[in-house]
C-alpha cells in the first residue's frame, strides 16, 4: 500500500498525459473546491515542460519514502535510484534511470501558485501558497564511481509534509497500480481522490458525479491544444474525458456540458454499461454493478 497527500491529486498538479507538446510549459485553471473559489497556476521550465506522465509515479514514490523514513520535519528524503525505480514498478535500466532523473529535475524546476485551494489539515483551513513539489534536489556519487549518482536527496515542501505528518493522506493500492498502465493509473488516482471529502478526508463516496470539463482540468489535460477529431491521441479532448477503461464508448466525446457518472466499488474499480469489466485495466474485481455513462443516454 502506498500513501499520498490528498491535495496533489485533487488539484491536478501533475498531468496524467504521458507526453506533452514541447511548448507546454505553463497552465492556469480556476474551479471550486468544497465550495471555495480556487485557482492553480503552474510554471515549468522550457527544458522540461510541466510535470506529467511518469512524474505521477515518481512523486507518489517520494511521498511513500517520506513516510517510510519517519516523516522528518525538514521534509528531507534520501534514497537510491534503484529504490525509486522499485517503488515505481520499473526495471533498473539505463533508460529508466535517465527518465527518472529527468522526472525529478522537472518536479524541482516547476513552480506552483495555489490560490485559496490548498487544504491545511493541521489548521483546518484553506491556504494560498506557492512552492515547488521538490524544493531541493541533490545527486551524489563517490569520486571513484563512474556509474552515475549513487545517492539522491530531496526536500519536499513544508505544506505537503506538514499535512502528511498530520495524517492528511489517502492509501493507494500497490496491486492495482501494478495492473494499470499509464495514463490509466494516474487517472484512477485522480478519480479516487475526488471521492474523498477534502475536509473530512476519511469520508469517501461510492458515487462520483462531476462535469467532464472539471474532470479534464483535474487530470491536467491540455484540451485547448488537442484536436477533438483525433480521439486516439494521448491528450484527449476535454469534451470527452478519458477514464481508465477502453475507449470503445465514444459517447464520451459528446460535449463538455454533460456530466460523467461513475459508480465505483470499494477497490476503486470502474465498469461500463453492460456490467463486464474492461480487461486487466479494471482487474481489481469485486464490483457488483457499475457503469460510466452520460445523462440522457441509454445504459
Protein backbone atom coordinates (compact mmCIF):
# COMPACT_ATOMS: atom_id res chain seq x y z
CA UNK A 1 0.00 0.00 0.00
CA UNK A 2 1.28 3.47 -0.95
CA UNK A 3 0.14 6.80 0.50
CA UNK A 4 -0.21 10.33 -0.87
CA UNK A 5 -1.38 13.78 0.19
CA UNK A 6 -4.92 14.46 -0.96
CA UNK A 7 -4.22 17.97 -2.31
CA UNK A 8 -1.80 16.89 -5.04
CA UNK A 9 -4.28 14.70 -6.93
CA UNK A 10 -7.45 16.67 -6.17
CA UNK A 11 -5.83 19.83 -7.55
CA UNK A 12 -4.41 18.05 -10.61
CA UNK A 13 -0.89 19.35 -10.06
CA UNK A 14 0.63 16.66 -12.31
CA UNK A 15 -0.94 15.99 -15.71
CA UNK A 16 -1.92 12.41 -16.46
CA UNK A 17 -0.72 12.81 -20.08
CA UNK A 18 2.21 10.58 -20.98
CA UNK A 19 3.53 13.11 -23.49
CA UNK A 20 3.07 16.84 -23.85
CA UNK A 21 3.79 19.42 -26.53
CA UNK A 22 7.26 20.99 -26.45
CA UNK A 23 5.76 24.40 -25.71
CA UNK A 24 3.50 23.21 -22.88
CA UNK A 25 5.40 24.96 -20.08
CA UNK A 26 2.61 26.58 -18.08
CA UNK A 27 -1.09 26.34 -17.30
CA UNK A 28 -3.70 28.05 -15.13
CA UNK A 29 -7.12 26.77 -14.07
CA UNK A 30 -9.93 28.04 -11.86
CA UNK A 31 -12.57 25.89 -10.17
CA UNK A 32 -14.44 25.35 -6.91
CA UNK A 33 -13.11 23.02 -4.23
CA UNK A 34 -15.55 22.27 -1.40
CA UNK A 35 -17.49 25.38 -2.42
CA UNK A 36 -14.40 27.62 -2.32
CA UNK A 37 -13.30 29.59 -5.37
CA UNK A 38 -9.85 28.30 -6.24
CA UNK A 39 -7.12 28.93 -8.78
CA UNK A 40 -3.97 26.96 -9.55
CA UNK A 41 -1.09 28.20 -11.70
CA UNK A 42 1.84 26.07 -12.85
CA UNK A 43 5.06 27.40 -14.43
CA UNK A 44 7.56 24.85 -15.66
CA UNK A 45 10.99 25.20 -17.24
CA UNK A 46 11.33 25.38 -21.01
CA UNK A 47 13.77 22.46 -20.87
CA UNK A 48 11.30 20.05 -19.23
CA UNK A 49 7.76 21.36 -19.67
CA UNK A 50 5.13 20.95 -16.95
CA UNK A 51 5.02 17.83 -14.74
CA UNK A 52 3.24 14.95 -16.46
CA UNK A 53 3.21 11.21 -17.10
CA UNK A 54 5.90 9.38 -15.13
CA UNK A 55 6.05 12.27 -12.65
CA UNK A 56 2.82 10.92 -11.16
CA UNK A 57 4.62 7.70 -10.25
CA UNK A 58 7.82 9.31 -9.03
CA UNK A 59 6.02 11.80 -6.78
CA UNK A 60 3.82 9.10 -5.28
CA UNK A 61 7.01 7.15 -4.54
CA UNK A 62 8.66 10.19 -2.92
CA UNK A 63 5.71 10.65 -0.59
CA UNK A 64 5.83 6.99 0.39
CA UNK A 65 9.58 7.22 1.02
CA UNK A 66 8.99 10.25 3.23
CA UNK A 67 6.54 8.26 5.35
CA UNK A 68 8.78 5.17 5.40
CA UNK A 69 11.69 7.26 6.69
CA UNK A 70 9.78 8.68 9.64
CA UNK A 71 8.42 11.99 8.29
CA UNK A 72 11.33 14.33 9.05
CA UNK A 73 10.22 17.86 9.90
CA UNK A 74 12.61 19.35 7.36
CA UNK A 75 10.97 17.30 4.59
CA UNK A 76 14.23 15.61 3.61
CA UNK A 77 14.19 12.19 1.95
CA UNK A 78 17.29 10.21 0.94
CA UNK A 79 17.24 7.17 -1.34
CA UNK A 80 18.91 5.37 -4.21
CA UNK A 81 17.76 5.39 -7.80
CA UNK A 82 17.23 1.64 -7.56
CA UNK A 83 14.79 2.08 -4.65
CA UNK A 84 12.87 4.80 -6.50
CA UNK A 85 12.55 2.62 -9.61
CA UNK A 86 11.43 -0.27 -7.42
CA UNK A 87 8.62 1.77 -5.87
CA UNK A 88 7.54 2.91 -9.33
CA UNK A 89 7.42 -0.69 -10.57
CA UNK A 90 10.13 -0.07 -13.18
CA UNK A 91 13.11 -2.19 -14.22
CA UNK A 92 16.57 -0.96 -13.32
CA UNK A 93 17.80 0.05 -16.77
CA UNK A 94 19.81 2.97 -18.12
CA UNK A 95 16.77 4.29 -19.96
CA UNK A 96 14.58 4.19 -16.85
CA UNK A 97 17.29 5.84 -14.75
CA UNK A 98 17.53 8.69 -17.27
CA UNK A 99 13.75 9.04 -17.36
CA UNK A 100 13.51 9.09 -13.57
CA UNK A 101 16.30 11.65 -13.21
CA UNK A 102 14.55 13.93 -15.70
CA UNK A 103 11.32 13.47 -13.74
CA UNK A 104 12.98 14.60 -10.51
CA UNK A 105 14.57 17.57 -12.26
CA UNK A 106 11.24 18.59 -13.81
CA UNK A 107 9.45 18.42 -10.44
CA UNK A 108 12.24 20.51 -8.92
CA UNK A 109 12.15 23.11 -11.71
CA UNK A 110 8.37 23.72 -11.65
CA UNK A 111 6.77 26.47 -9.55
CA UNK A 112 3.13 26.35 -8.41
CA UNK A 113 0.91 29.13 -7.12
CA UNK A 114 -2.24 27.84 -5.42
CA UNK A 115 -4.83 30.47 -4.53
CA UNK A 116 -7.30 29.54 -1.79
CA UNK A 117 -7.25 25.85 -2.70
CA UNK A 118 -4.56 24.15 -0.59
CA UNK A 119 -6.07 22.34 2.38
CA UNK A 120 -4.09 22.73 5.62
CA UNK A 121 -5.27 19.82 7.74
CA UNK A 122 -3.39 20.92 10.84
CA UNK A 123 -5.03 24.35 10.93
CA UNK A 124 -8.37 23.21 9.47
CA UNK A 125 -8.05 25.98 6.92
CA UNK A 126 -7.68 26.81 3.21
CA UNK A 127 -4.35 28.34 2.27
CA UNK A 128 -2.92 30.42 -0.59
CA UNK A 129 0.64 29.27 -1.14
CA UNK A 130 3.45 28.91 -3.67
CA UNK A 131 6.04 26.13 -3.79
CA UNK A 132 7.82 23.52 -5.88
CA UNK A 133 6.91 19.85 -5.43
CA UNK A 134 10.63 19.24 -4.85
CA UNK A 135 12.15 22.23 -3.07
CA UNK A 136 15.71 20.89 -3.10
CA UNK A 137 17.33 18.15 -5.18
CA UNK A 138 20.85 16.72 -4.88
CA UNK A 139 22.62 13.82 -6.63
CA UNK A 140 25.78 12.46 -5.00
CA UNK A 141 28.37 9.92 -6.11
CA UNK A 142 31.84 8.98 -4.95
CA UNK A 143 34.86 10.13 -6.92
CA UNK A 144 35.71 6.53 -7.84
CA UNK A 145 32.24 5.75 -9.17
CA UNK A 146 31.68 6.28 -12.89
CA UNK A 147 28.23 4.71 -13.00
CA UNK A 148 26.22 7.78 -12.08
CA UNK A 149 24.79 9.13 -8.83
CA UNK A 150 24.56 6.59 -6.03
CA UNK A 151 22.63 8.70 -3.52
CA UNK A 152 19.76 11.12 -4.08
CA UNK A 153 18.31 13.56 -1.57
CA UNK A 154 15.21 15.71 -1.97
CA UNK A 155 13.39 18.16 0.26
CA UNK A 156 9.60 18.14 -0.07
CA UNK A 157 7.58 21.34 0.53
CA UNK A 158 6.62 22.11 4.13
CA UNK A 159 2.93 22.47 3.23
CA UNK A 160 2.82 18.89 1.97
CA UNK A 161 4.96 17.27 4.68
CA UNK A 162 3.01 19.03 7.43
CA UNK A 163 -0.20 17.52 6.05
CA UNK A 164 1.33 14.04 5.85
CA UNK A 165 2.62 14.24 9.44
CA UNK A 166 -0.92 15.15 10.49
CA UNK A 167 -2.44 12.19 8.66
CA UNK A 168 -3.87 14.04 5.67
CA UNK A 169 -3.23 11.37 3.06
CA UNK A 170 -5.07 8.57 1.31
CA UNK A 171 -4.00 5.00 0.55
CA UNK A 172 -3.21 3.82 -2.97
CA UNK A 173 -3.39 0.12 -3.80
CA UNK A 174 0.02 -1.16 -4.94
CA UNK A 175 -1.60 -4.20 -6.52
CA UNK A 176 -3.96 -2.07 -8.60
CA UNK A 177 -1.14 0.27 -9.64
CA UNK A 178 0.81 -2.72 -10.97
CA UNK A 179 -2.19 -3.84 -13.04
CA UNK A 180 -2.76 -0.48 -14.70
CA UNK A 181 -0.61 1.17 -17.33
CA UNK A 182 -0.19 4.90 -17.85
CA UNK A 183 -2.19 7.08 -18.08
CA UNK A 184 -4.75 4.71 -16.51
CA UNK A 185 -3.17 4.57 -13.07
CA UNK A 186 -2.75 8.36 -12.92
CA UNK A 187 -6.38 8.88 -13.97
CA UNK A 188 -7.52 6.31 -11.42
CA UNK A 189 -5.69 8.17 -8.65
CA UNK A 190 -7.33 11.48 -9.62
CA UNK A 191 -10.80 9.95 -9.72
CA UNK A 192 -10.23 8.04 -6.48
CA UNK A 193 -9.01 11.20 -4.73
CA UNK A 194 -12.12 13.11 -5.83
CA UNK A 195 -14.21 10.53 -3.99
CA UNK A 196 -12.70 11.77 -0.71
CA UNK A 197 -14.16 14.75 1.12
CA UNK A 198 -11.33 17.36 1.17
CA UNK A 199 -12.16 18.45 4.73
CA UNK A 200 -13.06 15.13 6.35
CA UNK A 201 -10.72 13.15 4.14
CA UNK A 202 -11.59 9.76 5.66
CA UNK A 203 -15.11 10.10 4.21
CA UNK A 204 -15.33 8.53 0.76
CA UNK A 205 -18.32 8.43 -1.57
CA UNK A 206 -19.23 5.43 -3.69
CA UNK A 207 -20.78 7.63 -6.40
CA UNK A 208 -18.92 10.39 -8.20
CA UNK A 209 -20.71 12.96 -10.37
CA UNK A 210 -18.90 15.91 -11.92
CA UNK A 211 -18.76 17.93 -15.17
CA UNK A 212 -16.44 16.45 -17.77
CA UNK A 213 -14.57 19.73 -18.16
CA UNK A 214 -13.90 19.77 -14.43
CA UNK A 215 -12.52 16.22 -14.63
CA UNK A 216 -10.35 17.28 -17.57
CA UNK A 217 -8.86 20.10 -15.51
CA UNK A 218 -8.22 17.84 -12.54
CA UNK A 219 -6.45 15.39 -14.87
CA UNK A 220 -4.30 18.19 -16.29
CA UNK A 221 -5.41 17.58 -19.87
CA UNK A 222 -4.24 20.22 -22.34
CA UNK A 223 -7.62 20.29 -24.06
CA UNK A 224 -7.13 23.63 -25.81
CA UNK A 225 -4.17 22.21 -27.73
CA UNK A 226 -5.80 18.95 -28.72
CA UNK A 227 -7.67 18.26 -31.96
CA UNK A 228 -11.03 16.71 -30.97
CA UNK A 229 -11.13 14.86 -34.28
CA UNK A 230 -8.23 12.73 -33.04
CA UNK A 231 -9.61 10.67 -30.13
CA UNK A 232 -6.62 8.34 -30.32
CA UNK A 233 -4.15 10.98 -29.16
CA UNK A 234 -2.76 10.78 -25.65
CA UNK A 235 -4.12 14.16 -24.52
CA UNK A 236 -7.82 13.50 -25.01
CA UNK A 237 -10.18 16.33 -25.76
CA UNK A 238 -11.87 17.64 -22.65
CA UNK A 239 -15.27 17.34 -24.28
CA UNK A 240 -14.87 13.60 -23.87
CA UNK A 241 -12.58 12.90 -20.97
CA UNK A 242 -10.90 9.53 -20.97
CA UNK A 243 -11.36 7.29 -17.92
CA UNK A 244 -9.44 4.09 -17.11
CA UNK A 245 -11.30 1.79 -19.49
CA UNK A 246 -11.04 1.06 -23.20
CA UNK A 247 -12.31 3.91 -25.34
CA UNK A 248 -14.97 1.98 -27.20
CA UNK A 249 -17.75 4.17 -25.79
CA UNK A 250 -17.37 7.26 -27.97
CA UNK A 251 -20.37 8.91 -26.32
CA UNK A 252 -17.71 10.36 -24.03
CA UNK A 253 -16.87 12.86 -26.77
CA UNK A 254 -20.33 14.42 -26.94
CA UNK A 255 -19.85 17.71 -25.11
CA UNK A 256 -18.23 19.35 -22.07
CA UNK A 257 -21.57 20.44 -20.63
CA UNK A 258 -22.56 16.85 -19.91
CA UNK A 259 -21.68 15.18 -16.67
CA UNK A 260 -19.78 11.99 -16.01
CA UNK A 261 -21.36 9.47 -13.64
CA UNK A 262 -19.15 6.78 -12.12
CA UNK A 263 -20.22 4.01 -9.81
CA UNK A 264 -17.20 2.55 -8.06
CA UNK A 265 -16.69 -0.31 -5.66
CA UNK A 266 -14.55 -0.15 -2.54
CA UNK A 267 -11.42 -1.05 -4.51
CA UNK A 268 -12.00 1.78 -6.97
CA UNK A 269 -12.81 -0.44 -9.96
CA UNK A 270 -14.83 1.20 -12.72
CA UNK A 271 -17.10 -0.65 -15.13
CA UNK A 272 -19.01 0.50 -18.16
CA UNK A 273 -22.51 -0.27 -19.31
CA UNK A 274 -23.07 -3.97 -19.83
CA UNK A 275 -21.55 -4.98 -16.50
CA UNK A 276 -18.30 -6.50 -17.78
CA UNK A 277 -15.02 -5.10 -16.62
CA UNK A 278 -12.57 -3.80 -19.23
CA UNK A 279 -9.79 -6.36 -19.16
CA UNK A 280 -6.67 -6.08 -17.00
CA UNK A 281 -7.06 -2.33 -16.57
CA UNK A 282 -10.21 -2.91 -14.48
CA UNK A 283 -9.00 -6.07 -12.78
CA UNK A 284 -9.42 -5.02 -9.14
CA UNK A 285 -12.62 -7.11 -9.04
CA UNK A 286 -15.41 -7.03 -6.50
CA UNK A 287 -17.85 -4.82 -8.44
CA UNK A 288 -21.50 -5.68 -8.35
CA UNK A 289 -22.99 -3.38 -10.95
CA UNK A 290 -21.10 -0.44 -12.35
CA UNK A 291 -21.30 1.87 -15.31
CA UNK A 292 -19.93 5.04 -16.79
CA UNK A 293 -22.49 6.91 -18.86
CA UNK A 294 -23.69 10.35 -19.91
CA UNK A 295 -27.04 11.74 -18.77
CA UNK A 296 -29.79 11.47 -21.29
CA UNK A 297 -28.22 8.42 -22.88
CA UNK A 298 -29.10 4.77 -22.62
CA UNK A 299 -27.21 2.48 -20.20
